[in-house]
Amino acid sequence: MVKARQSRKPQGGKKIHKQGRPNLPIKKKHRHSPSTESGQTQQSPPLPSEQQSSDDGGDLIYGRHSVLSTLESKRPLNRVWVLSRLRYDPRFHSLLNQAKSQGTLIDEVDHRRLNQLTQQANHQGIAAQVAAYEYLDLSTLIEQARSATPKPVLVAADGITDPHNLGAMIRTSEALGAQGVIIPQRRAAGITSVVAKVATGALESIAVARVINLNQGLEQLKKSGFWIYGLNTSAAQSIHTVKFTEPTVLVVGAEGPGLSVSTQHHCDQLVSIPLQGKTASLNASVATGMALYEVYRQRWVETLHLHP
């Protein structure tokens, strides 16, 4: 049973909504986010037709760590392309044989074929076609997160369009112990081969939910007892002054515009990561890592105090 949410008195005499949430001042212009990147991000080339991800097709993953993690997780594979010398590598041999016994087609190919399949990507001698990624619905993610720990932590991506950033966010979230990642269905990157490559196996250990409307998802999370914190460089509240004592959702904004105005309105509190140098902002994956570390740093300190 989720206990009733208690009203919090915000610092600085801010007004309170009837539900007990702070009435946040929102600046509609010149908004920045800790996820803002300088310059243009290079986009990955489109995959050949046989590699494109779709709701009913497959997607290509490549790189030794990504494919190895997928094999170990027993995620269904349609086909594997591998260099002959890697086919009999002890790390892959038994797993590839097991996949073959379950119907996966194993093709021993040369570098030229792998270069063609991956469009000259760093494939490290192996690539695989997997079934399209199966997202969790938000209700299932909430249930799983609450069953894993009394104070789960989730990361919500607000319109992250760069697959490299999304992959790094997923990798960081899994490494620091978050229970899941939430992404919107539209105007945002989904789970693709590039995301899987950058995540380096983290997708096999952390759940990703995709929602039609992120703001409605945030409201659903509130009703389930989560407190929503949006990262924003212009927020007056520094993240290290916030006490993360309840189930937590960290919302990270898009690379350019930051958190949307509507998403800011659905956050309980906006927080900033204080910066000391001349760089005005951080990209999404770095901001995610720093915010998650602060949340878990507080949890570790609390544990030390409880167990002297």
C-alpha atoms as a PDB file:
ATOM      1  CA  MET A   1       0.000   0.000   0.000  1.00  0.00           C
ATOM      2  CA  VAL A   2       1.334   3.441  -0.930  1.00  0.00           C
ATOM      3  CA  LYS A   3       1.161   5.801   2.006  1.00  0.00           C
ATOM      4  CA  ALA A   4      -0.625   9.112   1.559  1.00  0.00           C
ATOM      5  CA  ARG A   5       1.571  11.931   0.306  1.00  0.00           C
ATOM      6  CA  GLN A   6       2.246  14.549   2.949  1.00  0.00           C
ATOM      7  CA  SER A   7       2.398  18.256   2.256  1.00  0.00           C
ATOM      8  CA  ARG A   8       5.850  19.800   2.274  1.00  0.00           C
ATOM      9  CA  LYS A   9       6.585  23.362   3.205  1.00  0.00           C
ATOM     10  CA  PRO A  10       8.988  24.685   0.572  1.00  0.00           C
ATOM     11  CA  GLN A  11      11.900  26.851   1.568  1.00  0.00           C
ATOM     12  CA  GLY A  12      11.800  30.562   0.902  1.00  0.00           C
ATOM     13  CA  GLY A  13       8.079  30.940   1.651  1.00  0.00           C
ATOM     14  CA  LYS A  14       6.879  29.613  -1.704  1.00  0.00           C
ATOM     15  CA  LYS A  15       3.155  29.076  -2.141  1.00  0.00           C
ATOM     16  CA  ILE A  16       1.691  25.609  -1.986  1.00  0.00           C
ATOM     17  CA  HIS A  17      -0.871  24.005  -4.260  1.00  0.00           C
ATOM     18  CA  LYS A  18      -3.757  22.307  -2.534  1.00  0.00           C
ATOM     19  CA  GLN A  19      -2.073  18.964  -3.158  1.00  0.00           C
ATOM     20  CA  GLY A  20       0.970  20.090  -1.195  1.00  0.00           C
ATOM     21  CA  ARG A  21       3.257  20.731  -4.169  1.00  0.00           C
ATOM     22  CA  PRO A  22       5.288  23.920  -4.549  1.00  0.00           C
ATOM     23  CA  ASN A  23       4.060  26.488  -7.052  1.00  0.00           C
ATOM     24  CA  LEU A  24       7.213  26.741  -9.149  1.00  0.00           C
ATOM     25  CA  PRO A  25       8.169  29.904 -10.979  1.00  0.00           C
ATOM     26  CA  ILE A  26       8.572  29.049 -14.642  1.00  0.00           C
ATOM     27  CA  LYS A  27      10.613  31.077 -17.092  1.00  0.00           C
ATOM     28  CA  LYS A  28       9.326  30.526 -20.584  1.00  0.00           C
ATOM     29  CA  LYS A  29      12.175  32.264 -22.366  1.00  0.00           C
ATOM     30  CA  HIS A  30      15.922  31.736 -22.363  1.00  0.00           C
ATOM     31  CA  ARG A  31      15.502  28.434 -20.591  1.00  0.00           C
ATOM     32  CA  HIS A  32      18.502  26.164 -20.150  1.00  0.00           C
ATOM     33  CA  SER A  33      18.890  22.668 -18.894  1.00  0.00           C
ATOM     34  CA  PRO A  34      21.768  20.613 -17.453  1.00  0.00           C
ATOM     35  CA  SER A  35      21.292  18.421 -20.467  1.00  0.00           C
ATOM     36  CA  THR A  36      22.061  21.187 -22.968  1.00  0.00           C
ATOM     37  CA  GLU A  37      24.991  20.447 -25.248  1.00  0.00           C
ATOM     38  CA  SER A  38      27.148  22.921 -27.069  1.00  0.00           C
ATOM     39  CA  GLY A  39      27.447  22.524 -30.798  1.00  0.00           C
ATOM     40  CA  GLN A  40      25.755  20.079 -33.072  1.00  0.00           C
ATOM     41  CA  THR A  41      25.609  16.377 -32.327  1.00  0.00           C
ATOM     42  CA  GLN A  42      26.634  14.115 -35.152  1.00  0.00           C
ATOM     43  CA  GLN A  43      23.786  11.843 -36.117  1.00  0.00           C
ATOM     44  CA  SER A  44      24.345   8.178 -36.798  1.00  0.00           C
ATOM     45  CA  PRO A  45      23.835   7.042 -40.406  1.00  0.00           C
ATOM     46  CA  PRO A  46      20.616   5.156 -41.124  1.00  0.00           C
ATOM     47  CA  LEU A  47      20.843   1.406 -41.059  1.00  0.00           C
ATOM     48  CA  PRO A  48      20.280  -0.721 -44.158  1.00  0.00           C
ATOM     49  CA  SER A  49      16.744  -1.968 -44.674  1.00  0.00           C
ATOM     50  CA  GLU A  50      17.454  -5.372 -43.138  1.00  0.00           C
ATOM     51  CA  GLN A  51      18.722  -3.689 -39.955  1.00  0.00           C
ATOM     52  CA  GLN A  52      16.070  -1.073 -39.354  1.00  0.00           C
ATOM     53  CA  SER A  53      14.157  -1.330 -36.116  1.00  0.00           C
ATOM     54  CA  SER A  54      10.393  -1.517 -36.302  1.00  0.00           C
ATOM     55  CA  ASP A  55       7.502  -2.626 -34.185  1.00  0.00           C
ATOM     56  CA  ASP A  56       7.308  -5.957 -35.956  1.00  0.00           C
ATOM     57  CA  GLY A  57      10.869  -6.335 -37.248  1.00  0.00           C
ATOM     58  CA  GLY A  58      14.317  -6.664 -35.769  1.00  0.00           C
ATOM     59  CA  ASP A  59      17.179  -4.375 -34.912  1.00  0.00           C
ATOM     60  CA  LEU A  60      20.916  -4.736 -35.296  1.00  0.00           C
ATOM     61  CA  ILE A  61      23.267  -4.654 -32.338  1.00  0.00           C
ATOM     62  CA  TYR A  62      27.021  -4.897 -32.644  1.00  0.00           C
ATOM     63  CA  GLY A  63      30.152  -4.884 -30.518  1.00  0.00           C
ATOM     64  CA  ARG A  64      31.426  -7.688 -28.321  1.00  0.00           C
ATOM     65  CA  HIS A  65      30.038  -6.439 -25.028  1.00  0.00           C
ATOM     66  CA  SER A  66      26.579  -5.647 -26.406  1.00  0.00           C
ATOM     67  CA  VAL A  67      26.184  -9.004 -28.175  1.00  0.00           C
ATOM     68  CA  LEU A  68      27.697 -10.952 -25.285  1.00  0.00           C
ATOM     69  CA  SER A  69      25.282  -9.360 -22.796  1.00  0.00           C
ATOM     70  CA  THR A  70      22.371 -10.158 -25.102  1.00  0.00           C
ATOM     71  CA  LEU A  71      23.469 -13.783 -25.457  1.00  0.00           C
ATOM     72  CA  GLU A  72      23.877 -14.142 -21.693  1.00  0.00           C
ATOM     73  CA  SER A  73      20.406 -12.695 -21.072  1.00  0.00           C
ATOM     74  CA  LYS A  74      18.937 -15.263 -23.520  1.00  0.00           C
ATOM     75  CA  ARG A  75      17.122 -12.538 -25.431  1.00  0.00           C
ATOM     76  CA  PRO A  76      15.864 -14.048 -28.714  1.00  0.00           C
ATOM     77  CA  LEU A  77      18.195 -13.499 -31.673  1.00  0.00           C
ATOM     78  CA  ASN A  78      17.220 -13.999 -35.279  1.00  0.00           C
ATOM     79  CA  ARG A  79      20.737 -14.042 -36.684  1.00  0.00           C
ATOM     80  CA  VAL A  80      24.369 -13.529 -35.703  1.00  0.00           C
ATOM     81  CA  TRP A  81      27.207 -12.484 -38.014  1.00  0.00           C
ATOM     82  CA  VAL A  82      30.628 -13.219 -36.535  1.00  0.00           C
ATOM     83  CA  LEU A  83      34.263 -13.459 -37.597  1.00  0.00           C
ATOM     84  CA  SER A  84      35.520 -17.046 -37.727  1.00  0.00           C
ATOM     85  CA  ARG A  85      38.213 -16.446 -35.106  1.00  0.00           C
ATOM     86  CA  LEU A  86      35.641 -14.932 -32.712  1.00  0.00           C
ATOM     87  CA  ARG A  87      33.130 -17.722 -33.356  1.00  0.00           C
ATOM     88  CA  TYR A  88      35.335 -20.127 -31.394  1.00  0.00           C
ATOM     89  CA  ASP A  89      36.464 -17.685 -28.740  1.00  0.00           C
ATOM     90  CA  PRO A  90      35.732 -19.255 -25.307  1.00  0.00           C
ATOM     91  CA  ARG A  91      33.625 -16.238 -24.320  1.00  0.00           C
ATOM     92  CA  PHE A  92      31.271 -16.751 -27.269  1.00  0.00           C
ATOM     93  CA  HIS A  93      31.528 -20.379 -28.378  1.00  0.00           C
ATOM     94  CA  SER A  94      29.127 -22.059 -25.939  1.00  0.00           C
ATOM     95  CA  LEU A  95      26.674 -19.135 -25.963  1.00  0.00           C
ATOM     96  CA  LEU A  96      26.552 -19.103 -29.753  1.00  0.00           C
ATOM     97  CA  ASN A  97      26.006 -22.871 -29.792  1.00  0.00           C
ATOM     98  CA  GLN A  98      23.168 -22.466 -27.316  1.00  0.00           C
ATOM     99  CA  ALA A  99      21.615 -19.707 -29.421  1.00  0.00           C
ATOM    100  CA  LYS A 100      21.975 -21.898 -32.519  1.00  0.00           C
ATOM    101  CA  SER A 101      20.154 -24.748 -30.776  1.00  0.00           C
ATOM    102  CA  GLN A 102      17.280 -22.337 -30.145  1.00  0.00           C
ATOM    103  CA  GLY A 103      16.949 -21.432 -33.801  1.00  0.00           C
ATOM    104  CA  THR A 104      19.376 -18.541 -34.241  1.00  0.00           C
ATOM    105  CA  LEU A 105      21.178 -18.549 -37.590  1.00  0.00           C
ATOM    106  CA  ILE A 106      24.955 -18.197 -37.085  1.00  0.00           C
ATOM    107  CA  ASP A 107      26.858 -16.795 -40.066  1.00  0.00           C
ATOM    108  CA  GLU A 108      30.666 -16.810 -40.148  1.00  0.00           C
ATOM    109  CA  VAL A 109      31.617 -13.805 -42.268  1.00  0.00           C
ATOM    110  CA  ASP A 110      34.592 -11.576 -42.998  1.00  0.00           C
ATOM    111  CA  HIS A 111      35.315  -7.988 -42.002  1.00  0.00           C
ATOM    112  CA  ARG A 112      33.956  -6.646 -45.267  1.00  0.00           C
ATOM    113  CA  ARG A 113      30.524  -8.173 -44.663  1.00  0.00           C
ATOM    114  CA  LEU A 114      30.369  -6.827 -41.099  1.00  0.00           C
ATOM    115  CA  ASN A 115      31.475  -3.399 -42.282  1.00  0.00           C
ATOM    116  CA  GLN A 116      28.665  -3.483 -44.824  1.00  0.00           C
ATOM    117  CA  LEU A 117      26.056  -4.561 -42.281  1.00  0.00           C
ATOM    118  CA  THR A 118      27.039  -1.939 -39.702  1.00  0.00           C
ATOM    119  CA  GLN A 119      27.897   0.794 -42.191  1.00  0.00           C
ATOM    120  CA  GLN A 120      31.524   0.947 -41.055  1.00  0.00           C
ATOM    121  CA  ALA A 121      30.665   1.061 -37.336  1.00  0.00           C
ATOM    122  CA  ASN A 122      33.029  -0.310 -34.685  1.00  0.00           C
ATOM    123  CA  HIS A 123      31.504  -3.810 -34.690  1.00  0.00           C
ATOM    124  CA  GLN A 124      34.527  -5.572 -33.072  1.00  0.00           C
ATOM    125  CA  GLY A 125      33.925  -8.661 -35.163  1.00  0.00           C
ATOM    126  CA  ILE A 126      30.323  -9.502 -34.297  1.00  0.00           C
ATOM    127  CA  ALA A 127      26.782  -8.271 -34.954  1.00  0.00           C
ATOM    128  CA  ALA A 128      23.347  -9.703 -34.263  1.00  0.00           C
ATOM    129  CA  GLN A 129      19.745  -9.099 -35.277  1.00  0.00           C
ATOM    130  CA  VAL A 130      17.406  -9.122 -32.315  1.00  0.00           C
ATOM    131  CA  ALA A 131      13.663  -8.833 -32.042  1.00  0.00           C
ATOM    132  CA  ALA A 132      12.335  -5.310 -31.597  1.00  0.00           C
ATOM    133  CA  TYR A 133      12.826  -4.049 -28.047  1.00  0.00           C
ATOM    134  CA  GLU A 134       9.887  -4.782 -25.758  1.00  0.00           C
ATOM    135  CA  TYR A 135       9.132  -1.777 -23.579  1.00  0.00           C
ATOM    136  CA  LEU A 136       7.381  -2.124 -20.243  1.00  0.00           C
ATOM    137  CA  ASP A 137       4.221  -0.191 -19.591  1.00  0.00           C
ATOM    138  CA  LEU A 138       4.577   2.333 -16.801  1.00  0.00           C
ATOM    139  CA  SER A 139       2.344   0.463 -14.347  1.00  0.00           C
ATOM    140  CA  THR A 140       4.525  -2.630 -14.640  1.00  0.00           C
ATOM    141  CA  LEU A 141       7.690  -0.576 -14.175  1.00  0.00           C
ATOM    142  CA  ILE A 142       6.270   1.041 -11.044  1.00  0.00           C
ATOM    143  CA  GLU A 143       5.312  -2.364  -9.644  1.00  0.00           C
ATOM    144  CA  GLN A 144       8.735  -3.826 -10.378  1.00  0.00           C
ATOM    145  CA  ALA A 145      10.550  -0.805  -8.944  1.00  0.00           C
ATOM    146  CA  ARG A 146       8.568  -0.874  -5.697  1.00  0.00           C
ATOM    147  CA  SER A 147       9.094  -4.601  -5.286  1.00  0.00           C
ATOM    148  CA  ALA A 148      12.853  -4.111  -5.696  1.00  0.00           C
ATOM    149  CA  THR A 149      13.331  -1.455  -2.986  1.00  0.00           C
ATOM    150  CA  PRO A 150      11.219   0.681  -0.622  1.00  0.00           C
ATOM    151  CA  LYS A 151      12.654   3.879  -2.149  1.00  0.00           C
ATOM    152  CA  PRO A 152      13.068   3.271  -5.879  1.00  0.00           C
ATOM    153  CA  VAL A 153      14.685   5.783  -8.207  1.00  0.00           C
ATOM    154  CA  LEU A 154      13.581   6.236 -11.829  1.00  0.00           C
ATOM    155  CA  VAL A 155      14.967   8.460 -14.583  1.00  0.00           C
ATOM    156  CA  ALA A 156      12.589  10.158 -17.030  1.00  0.00           C
ATOM    157  CA  ALA A 157      13.962  11.517 -20.309  1.00  0.00           C
ATOM    158  CA  ASP A 158      12.097  14.573 -21.579  1.00  0.00           C
ATOM    159  CA  GLY A 159      12.537  14.507 -25.352  1.00  0.00           C
ATOM    160  CA  ILE A 160      16.089  13.167 -25.605  1.00  0.00           C
ATOM    161  CA  THR A 161      16.578  12.916 -29.359  1.00  0.00           C
ATOM    162  CA  ASP A 162      20.254  11.914 -29.516  1.00  0.00           C
ATOM    163  CA  PRO A 163      20.548   8.087 -29.295  1.00  0.00           C
ATOM    164  CA  HIS A 164      24.096   8.413 -27.963  1.00  0.00           C
ATOM    165  CA  ASN A 165      22.836  10.500 -25.046  1.00  0.00           C
ATOM    166  CA  LEU A 166      19.976   8.101 -24.369  1.00  0.00           C
ATOM    167  CA  GLY A 167      22.291   5.103 -24.442  1.00  0.00           C
ATOM    168  CA  ALA A 168      24.703   6.791 -22.037  1.00  0.00           C
ATOM    169  CA  MET A 169      21.816   7.762 -19.739  1.00  0.00           C
ATOM    170  CA  ILE A 170      20.631   4.155 -19.634  1.00  0.00           C
ATOM    171  CA  ARG A 171      24.151   2.899 -18.947  1.00  0.00           C
ATOM    172  CA  THR A 172      24.642   5.441 -16.145  1.00  0.00           C
ATOM    173  CA  SER A 173      21.222   4.755 -14.633  1.00  0.00           C
ATOM    174  CA  GLU A 174      21.881   1.022 -14.476  1.00  0.00           C
ATOM    175  CA  ALA A 175      25.413   1.478 -13.115  1.00  0.00           C
ATOM    176  CA  LEU A 176      24.252   3.713 -10.255  1.00  0.00           C
ATOM    177  CA  GLY A 177      21.359   1.465  -9.272  1.00  0.00           C
ATOM    178  CA  ALA A 178      18.248   3.132 -10.687  1.00  0.00           C
ATOM    179  CA  GLN A 179      15.273   0.824 -11.129  1.00  0.00           C
ATOM    180  CA  GLY A 180      14.208   2.021 -14.567  1.00  0.00           C
ATOM    181  CA  VAL A 181      14.121   4.627 -17.321  1.00  0.00           C
ATOM    182  CA  ILE A 182      11.042   6.289 -18.816  1.00  0.00           C
ATOM    183  CA  ILE A 183      10.965   7.754 -22.322  1.00  0.00           C
ATOM    184  CA  PRO A 184       8.174   9.402 -24.334  1.00  0.00           C
ATOM    185  CA  GLN A 185       6.910   7.740 -27.468  1.00  0.00           C
ATOM    186  CA  ARG A 186       7.048  10.816 -29.696  1.00  0.00           C
ATOM    187  CA  ARG A 187       9.740  13.377 -30.516  1.00  0.00           C
ATOM    188  CA  ALA A 188      12.380  11.319 -28.729  1.00  0.00           C
ATOM    189  CA  ALA A 189      14.879   8.573 -29.429  1.00  0.00           C
ATOM    190  CA  GLY A 190      13.729   5.004 -28.890  1.00  0.00           C
ATOM    191  CA  ILE A 191      15.778   1.876 -28.223  1.00  0.00           C
ATOM    192  CA  THR A 192      17.824   1.333 -31.370  1.00  0.00           C
ATOM    193  CA  SER A 193      21.075  -0.392 -32.245  1.00  0.00           C
ATOM    194  CA  VAL A 194      22.991   2.817 -31.513  1.00  0.00           C
ATOM    195  CA  VAL A 195      21.378   3.110 -28.075  1.00  0.00           C
ATOM    196  CA  ALA A 196      22.133  -0.546 -27.330  1.00  0.00           C
ATOM    197  CA  LYS A 197      25.745  -0.117 -28.439  1.00  0.00           C
ATOM    198  CA  VAL A 198      26.322   2.932 -26.232  1.00  0.00           C
ATOM    199  CA  ALA A 199      24.537   1.288 -23.291  1.00  0.00           C
ATOM    200  CA  THR A 200      27.072  -1.584 -23.508  1.00  0.00           C
ATOM    201  CA  GLY A 201      24.786  -4.266 -22.123  1.00  0.00           C
ATOM    202  CA  ALA A 202      22.889  -2.177 -19.570  1.00  0.00           C
ATOM    203  CA  LEU A 203      19.609  -2.745 -21.441  1.00  0.00           C
ATOM    204  CA  GLU A 204      19.714  -6.367 -20.350  1.00  0.00           C
ATOM    205  CA  SER A 205      19.668  -5.302 -16.676  1.00  0.00           C
ATOM    206  CA  ILE A 206      17.417  -2.254 -16.499  1.00  0.00           C
ATOM    207  CA  ALA A 207      13.816  -1.814 -17.597  1.00  0.00           C
ATOM    208  CA  VAL A 208      12.696   0.911 -20.005  1.00  0.00           C
ATOM    209  CA  ALA A 209       9.079   2.064 -20.146  1.00  0.00           C
ATOM    210  CA  ARG A 210       7.726   4.127 -23.024  1.00  0.00           C
ATOM    211  CA  VAL A 211       4.724   6.380 -22.432  1.00  0.00           C
ATOM    212  CA  ILE A 212       2.483   8.166 -24.915  1.00  0.00           C
ATOM    213  CA  ASN A 213       2.433  11.339 -22.825  1.00  0.00           C
ATOM    214  CA  LEU A 214       5.269  12.016 -20.376  1.00  0.00           C
ATOM    215  CA  ASN A 215       3.311  14.517 -18.280  1.00  0.00           C
ATOM    216  CA  GLN A 216       0.468  12.056 -17.772  1.00  0.00           C
ATOM    217  CA  GLY A 217       3.091   9.502 -16.808  1.00  0.00           C
ATOM    218  CA  LEU A 218       4.521  11.872 -14.211  1.00  0.00           C
ATOM    219  CA  GLU A 219       1.062  12.335 -12.709  1.00  0.00           C
ATOM    220  CA  GLN A 220       0.652   8.573 -12.544  1.00  0.00           C
ATOM    221  CA  LEU A 221       3.976   8.338 -10.733  1.00  0.00           C
ATOM    222  CA  LYS A 222       2.856  10.988  -8.234  1.00  0.00           C
ATOM    223  CA  LYS A 223      -0.265   8.981  -7.452  1.00  0.00           C
ATOM    224  CA  SER A 224       2.011   5.993  -6.806  1.00  0.00           C
ATOM    225  CA  GLY A 225       3.989   7.926  -4.203  1.00  0.00           C
ATOM    226  CA  PHE A 226       6.931   9.201  -6.246  1.00  0.00           C
ATOM    227  CA  TRP A 227       8.328  12.734  -5.934  1.00  0.00           C
ATOM    228  CA  ILE A 228       9.307  14.346  -9.221  1.00  0.00           C
ATOM    229  CA  TYR A 229      12.490  16.426  -9.509  1.00  0.00           C
ATOM    230  CA  GLY A 230      13.308  18.226 -12.754  1.00  0.00           C
ATOM    231  CA  LEU A 231      16.911  19.148 -13.561  1.00  0.00           C
ATOM    232  CA  ASN A 232      17.242  22.742 -14.705  1.00  0.00           C
ATOM    233  CA  THR A 233      20.305  24.982 -14.595  1.00  0.00           C
ATOM    234  CA  SER A 234      18.228  28.068 -13.759  1.00  0.00           C
ATOM    235  CA  ALA A 235      16.564  26.477 -10.702  1.00  0.00           C
ATOM    236  CA  ALA A 236      17.339  28.247  -7.433  1.00  0.00           C
ATOM    237  CA  GLN A 237      17.441  25.024  -5.420  1.00  0.00           C
ATOM    238  CA  SER A 238      20.807  23.215  -5.625  1.00  0.00           C
ATOM    239  CA  ILE A 239      20.505  19.458  -5.799  1.00  0.00           C
ATOM    240  CA  HIS A 240      22.775  18.850  -2.794  1.00  0.00           C
ATOM    241  CA  THR A 241      20.379  20.827  -0.552  1.00  0.00           C
ATOM    242  CA  VAL A 242      17.411  18.573  -1.403  1.00  0.00           C
ATOM    243  CA  LYS A 243      16.692  15.564   0.803  1.00  0.00           C
ATOM    244  CA  PHE A 244      15.766  12.562  -1.325  1.00  0.00           C
ATOM    245  CA  THR A 245      13.887  10.594   1.311  1.00  0.00           C
ATOM    246  CA  GLU A 246      11.020   9.256  -0.812  1.00  0.00           C
ATOM    247  CA  PRO A 247      10.629   7.254  -4.043  1.00  0.00           C
ATOM    248  CA  THR A 248      12.190   9.561  -6.619  1.00  0.00           C
ATOM    249  CA  VAL A 249      11.923  10.408 -10.300  1.00  0.00           C
ATOM    250  CA  LEU A 250      14.676  12.524 -11.885  1.00  0.00           C
ATOM    251  CA  VAL A 251      13.515  14.255 -15.072  1.00  0.00           C
ATOM    252  CA  VAL A 252      16.298  15.200 -17.481  1.00  0.00           C
ATOM    253  CA  GLY A 253      15.605  17.649 -20.291  1.00  0.00           C
ATOM    254  CA  ALA A 254      16.367  17.512 -23.984  1.00  0.00           C
ATOM    255  CA  GLU A 255      19.756  18.430 -25.396  1.00  0.00           C
ATOM    256  CA  GLY A 256      18.797  21.882 -26.661  1.00  0.00           C
ATOM    257  CA  PRO A 257      15.663  23.435 -25.152  1.00  0.00           C
ATOM    258  CA  GLY A 258      15.832  21.730 -21.753  1.00  0.00           C
ATOM    259  CA  LEU A 259      12.749  20.705 -19.829  1.00  0.00           C
ATOM    260  CA  SER A 260       9.584  21.756 -21.595  1.00  0.00           C
ATOM    261  CA  VAL A 261       7.395  24.282 -19.812  1.00  0.00           C
ATOM    262  CA  SER A 262       4.600  21.742 -19.394  1.00  0.00           C
ATOM    263  CA  THR A 263       6.987  19.171 -17.920  1.00  0.00           C
ATOM    264  CA  GLN A 264       8.307  21.751 -15.453  1.00  0.00           C
ATOM    265  CA  HIS A 265       4.743  22.346 -14.259  1.00  0.00           C
ATOM    266  CA  HIS A 266       4.395  18.626 -13.532  1.00  0.00           C
ATOM    267  CA  CYS A 267       7.536  18.476 -11.371  1.00  0.00           C
ATOM    268  CA  ASP A 268       7.361  18.751  -7.596  1.00  0.00           C
ATOM    269  CA  GLN A 269      10.594  20.698  -7.577  1.00  0.00           C
ATOM    270  CA  LEU A 270      13.175  22.037 -10.006  1.00  0.00           C
ATOM    271  CA  VAL A 271      16.788  21.537  -8.965  1.00  0.00           C
ATOM    272  CA  SER A 272      20.112  22.590 -10.411  1.00  0.00           C
ATOM    273  CA  ILE A 273      23.601  21.121 -10.450  1.00  0.00           C
ATOM    274  CA  PRO A 274      25.941  23.950  -9.391  1.00  0.00           C
ATOM    275  CA  LEU A 275      28.828  24.488 -11.817  1.00  0.00           C
ATOM    276  CA  GLN A 276      32.084  26.266 -10.987  1.00  0.00           C
ATOM    277  CA  GLY A 277      33.714  26.653 -14.407  1.00  0.00           C
ATOM    278  CA  LYS A 278      32.853  28.766 -17.424  1.00  0.00           C
ATOM    279  CA  THR A 279      30.901  25.954 -19.102  1.00  0.00           C
ATOM    280  CA  ALA A 280      27.249  26.870 -18.712  1.00  0.00           C
ATOM    281  CA  SER A 281      25.659  23.436 -18.988  1.00  0.00           C
ATOM    282  CA  LEU A 282      26.126  19.679 -19.056  1.00  0.00           C
ATOM    283  CA  ASN A 283      24.868  17.131 -21.532  1.00  0.00           C
ATOM    284  CA  ALA A 284      22.010  14.849 -20.576  1.00  0.00           C
ATOM    285  CA  SER A 285      24.020  11.755 -19.707  1.00  0.00           C
ATOM    286  CA  VAL A 286      26.538  13.622 -17.515  1.00  0.00           C
ATOM    287  CA  ALA A 287      23.752  15.494 -15.707  1.00  0.00           C
ATOM    288  CA  THR A 288      21.959  12.190 -15.118  1.00  0.00           C
ATOM    289  CA  GLY A 289      25.070  10.638 -13.601  1.00  0.00           C
ATOM    290  CA  MET A 290      25.751  13.574 -11.282  1.00  0.00           C
ATOM    291  CA  ALA A 291      22.139  13.759 -10.092  1.00  0.00           C
ATOM    292  CA  LEU A 292      21.878  10.021  -9.491  1.00  0.00           C
ATOM    293  CA  TYR A 293      25.138  10.020  -7.587  1.00  0.00           C
ATOM    294  CA  GLU A 294      23.830  12.727  -5.246  1.00  0.00           C
ATOM    295  CA  VAL A 295      20.652  10.739  -4.587  1.00  0.00           C
ATOM    296  CA  TYR A 296      22.572   7.578  -3.744  1.00  0.00           C
ATOM    297  CA  ARG A 297      25.285   9.458  -1.844  1.00  0.00           C
ATOM    298  CA  GLN A 298      22.591  10.638   0.541  1.00  0.00           C
ATOM    299  CA  ARG A 299      21.231   7.090   0.842  1.00  0.00           C
ATOM    300  CA  TRP A 300      24.714   5.738   1.628  1.00  0.00           C
ATOM    301  CA  VAL A 301      25.328   8.404   4.270  1.00  0.00           C
ATOM    302  CA  GLU A 302      21.954   7.616   5.827  1.00  0.00           C
ATOM    303  CA  THR A 303      22.876   3.937   5.960  1.00  0.00           C
ATOM    304  CA  LEU A 304      26.173   4.739   7.677  1.00  0.00           C
ATOM    305  CA  HIS A 305      24.333   6.776  10.307  1.00  0.00           C
ATOM    306  CA  LEU A 306      21.886   3.952  10.941  1.00  0.00           C
ATOM    307  CA  HIS A 307      24.703   1.404  11.264  1.00  0.00           C
ATOM    308  CA  PRO A 308      27.618   3.043  13.119  1.00  0.00           C
END
